[in-house]
C-alpha atoms as a PDB file:
ATOM      1  CA  MET A   1     -58.493  37.215 -37.660  1.00  0.00           C
ATOM      2  CA  SER A   2     -59.876  36.914 -41.261  1.00  0.00           C
ATOM      3  CA  ASN A   3     -62.499  39.340 -42.634  1.00  0.00           C
ATOM      4  CA  GLU A   4     -64.998  36.535 -42.762  1.00  0.00           C
ATOM      5  CA  GLN A   5     -64.403  35.592 -39.129  1.00  0.00           C
ATOM      6  CA  ALA A   6     -64.808  39.269 -38.086  1.00  0.00           C
ATOM      7  CA  ILE A   7     -68.115  39.210 -39.966  1.00  0.00           C
ATOM      8  CA  LEU A   8     -69.282  36.315 -37.829  1.00  0.00           C
ATOM      9  CA  ASP A   9     -67.983  37.832 -34.594  1.00  0.00           C
ATOM     10  CA  ARG A  10     -69.409  41.334 -34.648  1.00  0.00           C
ATOM     11  CA  GLY A  11     -72.115  42.336 -32.262  1.00  0.00           C
ATOM     12  CA  PRO A  12     -74.975  40.166 -31.018  1.00  0.00           C
ATOM     13  CA  SER A  13     -75.101  36.516 -32.068  1.00  0.00           C
ATOM     14  CA  ALA A  14     -76.263  35.881 -35.622  1.00  0.00           C
ATOM     15  CA  PHE A  15     -79.109  33.714 -36.393  1.00  0.00           C
ATOM     16  CA  GLN A  16     -77.647  30.276 -37.137  1.00  0.00           C
ATOM     17  CA  VAL A  17     -78.780  26.964 -38.478  1.00  0.00           C
ATOM     18  CA  ALA A  18     -76.989  23.617 -38.927  1.00  0.00           C
ATOM     19  CA  PHE A  19     -76.562  22.760 -42.489  1.00  0.00           C
ATOM     20  CA  GLN A  20     -75.537  19.687 -44.658  1.00  0.00           C
ATOM     21  CA  PRO A  21     -75.434  19.793 -48.440  1.00  0.00           C
ATOM     22  CA  GLN A  22     -77.914  17.348 -49.881  1.00  0.00           C
ATOM     23  CA  TRP A  23     -77.508  15.212 -53.007  1.00  0.00           C
ATOM     24  CA  SER A  24     -79.814  17.672 -54.886  1.00  0.00           C
ATOM     25  CA  ASP A  25     -77.394  20.432 -53.962  1.00  0.00           C
ATOM     26  CA  MET A  26     -74.443  18.968 -55.780  1.00  0.00           C
ATOM     27  CA  ASP A  27     -73.085  19.550 -59.327  1.00  0.00           C
ATOM     28  CA  GLN A  28     -71.383  17.068 -61.623  1.00  0.00           C
ATOM     29  CA  ASN A  29     -68.069  17.809 -60.079  1.00  0.00           C
ATOM     30  CA  GLY A  30     -69.167  16.950 -56.499  1.00  0.00           C
ATOM     31  CA  HIS A  31     -69.313  20.631 -55.402  1.00  0.00           C
ATOM     32  CA  MET A  32     -72.333  22.366 -54.016  1.00  0.00           C
ATOM     33  CA  ARG A  33     -74.115  24.119 -57.027  1.00  0.00           C
ATOM     34  CA  THR A  34     -75.211  27.780 -57.159  1.00  0.00           C
ATOM     35  CA  THR A  35     -78.907  26.938 -56.750  1.00  0.00           C
ATOM     36  CA  GLY A  36     -78.160  24.943 -53.680  1.00  0.00           C
ATOM     37  CA  TYR A  37     -76.432  27.876 -51.946  1.00  0.00           C
ATOM     38  CA  LEU A  38     -79.344  30.256 -52.907  1.00  0.00           C
ATOM     39  CA  ALA A  39     -82.021  27.934 -51.826  1.00  0.00           C
ATOM     40  CA  ALA A  40     -80.384  27.391 -48.492  1.00  0.00           C
ATOM     41  CA  ALA A  41     -79.883  31.060 -47.967  1.00  0.00           C
ATOM     42  CA  GLU A  42     -83.647  31.641 -48.783  1.00  0.00           C
ATOM     43  CA  ASN A  43     -84.645  28.867 -46.320  1.00  0.00           C
ATOM     44  CA  CYS A  44     -82.384  30.319 -43.553  1.00  0.00           C
ATOM     45  CA  ARG A  45     -83.970  33.755 -43.993  1.00  0.00           C
ATOM     46  CA  MET A  46     -87.485  32.282 -43.844  1.00  0.00           C
ATOM     47  CA  GLN A  47     -86.544  30.283 -40.793  1.00  0.00           C
ATOM     48  CA  TYR A  48     -85.418  33.446 -38.961  1.00  0.00           C
ATOM     49  CA  PHE A  49     -88.645  35.234 -39.881  1.00  0.00           C
ATOM     50  CA  ALA A  50     -90.864  32.292 -38.962  1.00  0.00           C
ATOM     51  CA  GLY A  51     -89.045  31.681 -35.705  1.00  0.00           C
ATOM     52  CA  SER A  52     -89.746  35.300 -34.886  1.00  0.00           C
ATOM     53  CA  GLY A  53     -93.470  35.257 -35.589  1.00  0.00           C
ATOM     54  CA  PHE A  54     -93.421  35.961 -39.334  1.00  0.00           C
ATOM     55  CA  SER A  55     -94.331  32.698 -40.886  1.00  0.00           C
ATOM     56  CA  ALA A  56     -95.340  32.536 -44.581  1.00  0.00           C
ATOM     57  CA  GLY A  57     -98.964  32.507 -43.470  1.00  0.00           C
ATOM     58  CA  GLU A  58     -98.524  35.571 -41.312  1.00  0.00           C
ATOM     59  CA  PHE A  59     -97.001  37.445 -44.270  1.00  0.00           C
ATOM     60  CA  ALA A  60    -100.007  36.397 -46.348  1.00  0.00           C
ATOM     61  CA  GLN A  61    -102.439  37.480 -43.661  1.00  0.00           C
ATOM     62  CA  ARG A  62    -100.737  40.921 -43.423  1.00  0.00           C
ATOM     63  CA  GLY A  63    -100.729  41.316 -47.226  1.00  0.00           C
ATOM     64  CA  PHE A  64     -97.023  41.699 -47.835  1.00  0.00           C
ATOM     65  CA  GLY A  65     -93.876  39.705 -48.058  1.00  0.00           C
ATOM     66  CA  PRO A  66     -90.134  39.747 -48.768  1.00  0.00           C
ATOM     67  CA  VAL A  67     -88.878  40.014 -52.399  1.00  0.00           C
ATOM     68  CA  ILE A  68     -85.250  39.688 -53.355  1.00  0.00           C
ATOM     69  CA  GLN A  69     -83.988  41.830 -56.196  1.00  0.00           C
ATOM     70  CA  THR A  70     -80.390  40.653 -56.351  1.00  0.00           C
ATOM     71  CA  ASP A  71     -78.242  37.886 -54.993  1.00  0.00           C
ATOM     72  CA  GLU A  72     -74.492  37.947 -54.835  1.00  0.00           C
ATOM     73  CA  LEU A  73     -72.714  34.650 -54.308  1.00  0.00           C
ATOM     74  CA  ARG A  74     -68.996  34.537 -53.388  1.00  0.00           C
ATOM     75  CA  TYR A  75     -67.383  31.183 -53.289  1.00  0.00           C
ATOM     76  CA  ARG A  76     -64.439  30.674 -50.947  1.00  0.00           C
ATOM     77  CA  THR A  77     -63.808  26.942 -50.602  1.00  0.00           C
ATOM     78  CA  GLU A  78     -65.781  23.803 -51.504  1.00  0.00           C
ATOM     79  CA  LEU A  79     -68.707  22.263 -49.534  1.00  0.00           C
ATOM     80  CA  ARG A  80     -69.150  18.619 -50.286  1.00  0.00           C
ATOM     81  CA  LEU A  81     -72.077  16.163 -50.009  1.00  0.00           C
ATOM     82  CA  LEU A  82     -73.197  15.770 -46.315  1.00  0.00           C
ATOM     83  CA  GLU A  83     -70.329  17.872 -45.022  1.00  0.00           C
ATOM     84  CA  PRO A  84     -71.422  19.437 -41.664  1.00  0.00           C
ATOM     85  CA  ALA A  85     -71.573  23.130 -41.834  1.00  0.00           C
ATOM     86  CA  ARG A  86     -73.212  26.148 -40.168  1.00  0.00           C
ATOM     87  CA  LEU A  87     -75.313  28.802 -41.965  1.00  0.00           C
ATOM     88  CA  SER A  88     -75.626  32.186 -40.418  1.00  0.00           C
ATOM     89  CA  LEU A  89     -77.691  35.226 -41.190  1.00  0.00           C
ATOM     90  CA  HIS A  90     -76.547  38.935 -40.634  1.00  0.00           C
ATOM     91  CA  LEU A  91     -78.017  42.186 -41.738  1.00  0.00           C
ATOM     92  CA  ALA A  92     -75.667  43.834 -44.266  1.00  0.00           C
ATOM     93  CA  GLY A  93     -77.762  46.898 -44.971  1.00  0.00           C
ATOM     94  CA  LEU A  94     -80.980  48.644 -44.174  1.00  0.00           C
ATOM     95  CA  SER A  95     -82.932  51.734 -45.318  1.00  0.00           C
ATOM     96  CA  ASN A  96     -84.178  54.064 -42.585  1.00  0.00           C
ATOM     97  CA  ASP A  97     -87.752  53.176 -43.186  1.00  0.00           C
ATOM     98  CA  GLY A  98     -86.842  49.392 -43.613  1.00  0.00           C
ATOM     99  CA  ALA A  99     -88.309  49.250 -47.193  1.00  0.00           C
ATOM    100  CA  ARG A 100     -84.923  48.065 -48.539  1.00  0.00           C
ATOM    101  CA  PHE A 101     -82.705  45.438 -46.768  1.00  0.00           C
ATOM    102  CA  MET A 102     -79.534  43.572 -47.505  1.00  0.00           C
ATOM    103  CA  MET A 103     -78.959  40.248 -45.754  1.00  0.00           C
ATOM    104  CA  ARG A 104     -75.822  38.073 -45.767  1.00  0.00           C
ATOM    105  CA  ASN A 105     -75.798  34.252 -45.269  1.00  0.00           C
ATOM    106  CA  THR A 106     -72.344  32.755 -44.436  1.00  0.00           C
ATOM    107  CA  PHE A 107     -71.637  29.196 -44.997  1.00  0.00           C
ATOM    108  CA  THR A 108     -69.048  27.945 -42.473  1.00  0.00           C
ATOM    109  CA  ARG A 109     -67.532  24.510 -42.606  1.00  0.00           C
ATOM    110  CA  ALA A 110     -67.206  22.615 -39.239  1.00  0.00           C
ATOM    111  CA  ASP A 111     -63.397  23.477 -39.099  1.00  0.00           C
ATOM    112  CA  GLY A 112     -64.409  27.241 -39.128  1.00  0.00           C
ATOM    113  CA  THR A 113     -63.469  27.901 -42.759  1.00  0.00           C
ATOM    114  CA  VAL A 114     -65.941  30.107 -44.705  1.00  0.00           C
ATOM    115  CA  ALA A 115     -67.061  28.183 -47.711  1.00  0.00           C
ATOM    116  CA  ALA A 116     -69.269  30.856 -49.366  1.00  0.00           C
ATOM    117  CA  THR A 117     -71.329  33.990 -48.716  1.00  0.00           C
ATOM    118  CA  VAL A 118     -74.738  35.043 -50.280  1.00  0.00           C
ATOM    119  CA  THR A 119     -75.643  38.652 -50.016  1.00  0.00           C
ATOM    120  CA  SER A 120     -79.258  39.368 -50.957  1.00  0.00           C
ATOM    121  CA  THR A 121     -80.840  42.709 -51.546  1.00  0.00           C
ATOM    122  CA  GLY A 122     -84.564  42.970 -51.258  1.00  0.00           C
ATOM    123  CA  GLY A 123     -87.498  44.835 -50.027  1.00  0.00           C
ATOM    124  CA  TRP A 124     -91.119  44.397 -48.862  1.00  0.00           C
ATOM    125  CA  LEU A 125     -93.772  43.793 -51.459  1.00  0.00           C
ATOM    126  CA  ASP A 126     -97.370  44.969 -50.824  1.00  0.00           C
ATOM    127  CA  LEU A 127     -99.222  41.998 -52.213  1.00  0.00           C
ATOM    128  CA  THR A 128    -102.311  44.051 -53.261  1.00  0.00           C
ATOM    129  CA  GLN A 129    -100.599  47.132 -54.692  1.00  0.00           C
ATOM    130  CA  ARG A 130     -97.673  45.124 -56.098  1.00  0.00           C
ATOM    131  CA  ARG A 131     -95.322  47.919 -54.962  1.00  0.00           C
ATOM    132  CA  LEU A 132     -92.523  48.027 -52.475  1.00  0.00           C
ATOM    133  CA  THR A 133     -93.672  49.221 -48.979  1.00  0.00           C
ATOM    134  CA  SER A 134     -92.162  49.919 -45.544  1.00  0.00           C
ATOM    135  CA  PRO A 135     -92.606  46.957 -43.079  1.00  0.00           C
ATOM    136  CA  PRO A 136     -94.684  47.221 -39.975  1.00  0.00           C
ATOM    137  CA  ASP A 137     -92.889  48.313 -36.799  1.00  0.00           C
ATOM    138  CA  ASP A 138     -92.711  44.897 -35.278  1.00  0.00           C
ATOM    139  CA  LEU A 139     -90.896  43.564 -38.313  1.00  0.00           C
ATOM    140  CA  LEU A 140     -88.679  46.618 -38.539  1.00  0.00           C
ATOM    141  CA  THR A 141     -87.598  46.071 -34.920  1.00  0.00           C
ATOM    142  CA  LEU A 142     -86.818  42.464 -35.865  1.00  0.00           C
ATOM    143  CA  LEU A 143     -84.581  43.536 -38.791  1.00  0.00           C
ATOM    144  CA  ARG A 144     -82.777  46.049 -36.728  1.00  0.00           C
ATOM    145  CA  ASP A 145     -82.184  43.530 -33.928  1.00  0.00           C
ATOM    146  CA  LEU A 146     -80.341  41.153 -36.367  1.00  0.00           C
ATOM    147  CA  ALA A 147     -76.630  40.961 -35.858  1.00  0.00           C
ATOM    148  CA  ARG A 148     -74.942  43.237 -38.449  1.00  0.00           C
ATOM    149  CA  THR A 149     -71.887  42.665 -40.747  1.00  0.00           C
ATOM    150  CA  ILE A 150     -68.812  44.864 -40.210  1.00  0.00           C
ATOM    151  CA  ASP A 151     -69.476  46.419 -43.622  1.00  0.00           C
ATOM    152  CA  PHE A 152     -73.166  47.220 -42.759  1.00  0.00           C
ATOM    153  CA  ALA A 153     -74.553  49.976 -45.120  1.00  0.00           C
ATOM    154  CA  ASP A 154     -77.255  52.545 -44.777  1.00  0.00           C
ATOM    155  CA  LEU A 155     -79.396  52.001 -47.839  1.00  0.00           C
ATOM    156  CA  PRO A 156     -81.399  54.519 -49.792  1.00  0.00           C
ATOM    157  CA  SER A 157     -85.139  54.025 -49.541  1.00  0.00           C
ATOM    158  CA  PRO A 158     -86.902  52.822 -52.720  1.00  0.00           C
ATOM    159  CA  LEU A 159     -89.884  54.909 -51.629  1.00  0.00           C
ATOM    160  CA  ALA A 160     -88.011  58.207 -51.614  1.00  0.00           C
ATOM    161  CA  ASN A 161     -88.741  58.848 -55.318  1.00  0.00           C
ATOM    162  CA  ARG A 162     -92.553  58.250 -55.316  1.00  0.00           C
END
Protein backbone atom coordinates (compact mmCIF):
# COMPACT_ATOMS: atom_id res chain seq x y z
CA MET A 1 0.00 0.00 0.00
CA SER A 2 1.40 3.39 -0.94
CA ASN A 3 1.81 6.18 1.60
CA GLU A 4 -0.86 8.18 -0.22
CA GLN A 5 -3.31 5.26 -0.03
CA ALA A 6 -2.58 4.85 3.70
CA ILE A 7 -3.44 8.52 4.18
CA LEU A 8 -6.82 7.90 2.57
CA ASP A 9 -7.56 4.69 4.49
CA ARG A 10 -6.79 5.73 8.08
CA GLY A 11 -9.53 6.13 10.68
CA PRO A 12 -13.03 7.43 9.98
CA SER A 13 -14.05 8.23 6.45
CA ALA A 14 -12.70 11.46 5.09
CA PHE A 15 -14.94 14.17 3.74
CA GLN A 16 -15.01 13.67 -0.04
CA VAL A 17 -16.45 15.42 -3.05
CA ALA A 18 -16.49 14.52 -6.72
CA PHE A 19 -14.19 16.71 -8.79
CA GLN A 20 -13.54 17.39 -12.46
CA PRO A 21 -11.01 19.99 -13.61
CA GLN A 22 -12.68 22.73 -15.63
CA TRP A 23 -11.32 24.71 -18.58
CA SER A 24 -10.34 27.58 -16.26
CA ASP A 25 -8.24 25.13 -14.17
CA MET A 26 -5.94 24.27 -17.09
CA ASP A 27 -2.55 25.69 -18.04
CA GLN A 28 -1.10 26.07 -21.54
CA ASN A 29 0.21 22.47 -21.43
CA GLY A 30 -3.20 20.97 -20.72
CA HIS A 31 -2.38 20.24 -17.08
CA MET A 32 -4.27 21.46 -14.06
CA ARG A 33 -2.70 24.74 -12.92
CA THR A 34 -1.58 25.59 -9.38
CA THR A 35 -4.40 28.06 -8.81
CA GLY A 36 -6.93 25.41 -9.87
CA TYR A 37 -5.69 23.02 -7.18
CA LEU A 38 -5.68 25.73 -4.53
CA ALA A 39 -9.18 26.96 -5.41
CA ALA A 40 -10.57 23.41 -5.39
CA ALA A 41 -8.94 22.73 -1.99
CA GLU A 42 -10.46 25.93 -0.56
CA ASN A 43 -13.87 25.05 -1.96
CA CYS A 44 -13.71 21.53 -0.51
CA ARG A 45 -12.87 22.89 2.96
CA MET A 46 -15.73 25.36 2.81
CA GLN A 47 -18.13 22.63 1.62
CA TYR A 48 -17.12 20.57 4.66
CA PHE A 49 -17.74 23.47 7.03
CA ALA A 50 -21.00 24.55 5.34
CA GLY A 51 -22.32 20.98 5.33
CA SER A 52 -21.66 20.83 9.06
CA GLY A 53 -23.45 24.08 9.96
CA PHE A 54 -20.64 26.58 9.40
CA SER A 55 -21.58 28.39 6.21
CA ALA A 56 -19.90 31.66 5.26
CA GLY A 57 -22.93 33.43 6.73
CA GLU A 58 -22.59 31.54 10.01
CA PHE A 59 -18.92 32.49 10.27
CA ALA A 60 -19.81 36.14 9.60
CA GLN A 61 -22.62 36.09 12.15
CA ARG A 62 -20.29 34.66 14.80
CA GLY A 63 -17.59 37.19 13.94
CA PHE A 64 -14.73 34.88 12.96
CA GLY A 65 -13.55 32.81 10.04
CA PRO A 66 -10.77 30.61 8.70
CA VAL A 67 -7.56 32.17 7.46
CA ILE A 68 -4.89 30.21 5.62
CA GLN A 69 -1.28 31.14 6.29
CA THR A 70 0.53 28.62 4.09
CA ASP A 71 -0.30 26.14 1.34
CA GLU A 72 1.98 23.34 0.19
CA LEU A 73 1.09 21.74 -3.14
CA ARG A 74 2.70 18.42 -4.07
CA TYR A 75 2.21 17.20 -7.62
CA ARG A 76 2.23 13.44 -8.21
CA THR A 77 0.70 12.92 -11.64
CA GLU A 78 -1.38 14.90 -14.10
CA LEU A 79 -5.06 15.73 -13.94
CA ARG A 80 -6.52 16.67 -17.29
CA LEU A 81 -9.58 18.59 -18.42
CA LEU A 82 -12.85 16.95 -17.23
CA GLU A 83 -11.01 13.89 -15.90
CA PRO A 84 -13.18 12.39 -13.13
CA ALA A 85 -11.51 12.56 -9.74
CA ARG A 86 -12.24 12.55 -6.03
CA LEU A 87 -11.16 15.29 -3.65
CA SER A 88 -10.85 14.36 0.02
CA LEU A 89 -10.20 16.36 3.17
CA HIS A 90 -8.25 15.15 6.21
CA LEU A 91 -6.99 16.83 9.35
CA ALA A 92 -3.18 16.85 9.27
CA GLY A 93 -2.57 18.83 12.48
CA LEU A 94 -4.29 20.72 15.27
CA SER A 95 -3.27 22.72 18.34
CA ASN A 96 -4.86 21.75 21.66
CA ASP A 97 -7.00 24.91 21.67
CA GLY A 98 -7.85 24.56 17.98
CA ALA A 99 -6.47 28.00 17.15
CA ARG A 100 -4.11 26.50 14.54
CA PHE A 101 -4.98 23.70 12.13
CA MET A 102 -3.46 21.89 9.20
CA MET A 103 -5.74 20.30 6.60
CA ARG A 104 -4.79 18.12 3.66
CA ASN A 105 -6.75 17.79 0.45
CA THR A 106 -5.95 14.78 -1.71
CA PHE A 107 -6.83 14.73 -5.41
CA THR A 108 -7.33 11.12 -6.52
CA ARG A 109 -7.96 10.06 -10.10
CA ALA A 110 -10.73 7.55 -10.91
CA ASP A 111 -8.13 4.75 -11.17
CA GLY A 112 -7.05 5.38 -7.54
CA THR A 113 -3.84 7.23 -8.37
CA VAL A 114 -3.13 10.25 -6.19
CA ALA A 115 -2.62 13.22 -8.53
CA ALA A 116 -1.74 15.87 -5.93
CA THR A 117 -2.03 16.94 -2.33
CA VAL A 118 -2.58 20.41 -0.89
CA THR A 119 -1.63 20.86 2.76
CA SER A 120 -2.93 24.13 4.20
CA THR A 121 -1.99 25.59 7.58
CA GLY A 122 -4.26 28.17 9.09
CA GLY A 123 -6.12 29.48 12.06
CA TRP A 124 -9.27 31.28 13.09
CA LEU A 125 -9.41 35.05 12.66
CA ASP A 126 -11.52 37.16 15.03
CA LEU A 127 -13.04 39.60 12.54
CA THR A 128 -13.37 42.42 15.08
CA GLN A 129 -9.99 42.20 16.79
CA ARG A 130 -8.19 41.03 13.60
CA ARG A 131 -6.24 38.48 15.63
CA LEU A 132 -6.15 34.72 15.76
CA THR A 133 -8.52 33.13 18.24
CA SER A 134 -9.67 29.72 19.40
CA PRO A 135 -12.79 28.35 17.70
CA PRO A 136 -16.01 27.78 19.66
CA ASP A 137 -16.51 24.31 21.11
CA ASP A 138 -18.90 23.14 18.37
CA LEU A 139 -16.36 23.96 15.66
CA LEU A 140 -13.48 22.46 17.66
CA THR A 141 -15.48 19.22 17.94
CA LEU A 142 -16.08 19.30 14.17
CA LEU A 143 -12.33 19.67 13.57
CA ARG A 144 -11.45 16.86 15.97
CA ASP A 145 -13.99 14.56 14.29
CA LEU A 146 -12.42 14.97 10.84
CA ALA A 147 -10.48 11.91 9.66
CA ARG A 148 -6.75 12.33 10.32
CA THR A 149 -3.70 11.75 8.17
CA ILE A 150 -1.15 9.14 9.24
CA ASP A 151 1.35 11.95 9.80
CA PHE A 152 -1.05 14.01 11.97
CA ALA A 153 0.87 16.50 14.13
CA ASP A 154 0.08 18.24 17.38
CA LEU A 155 0.67 21.90 16.56
CA PRO A 156 1.74 24.69 18.91
CA SER A 157 -0.92 27.27 19.66
CA PRO A 158 -0.38 30.71 18.11
CA LEU A 159 -2.04 32.13 21.24
CA ALA A 160 0.58 30.78 23.68
CA ASN A 161 2.93 33.78 23.33
CA ARG A 162 0.37 36.51 23.95
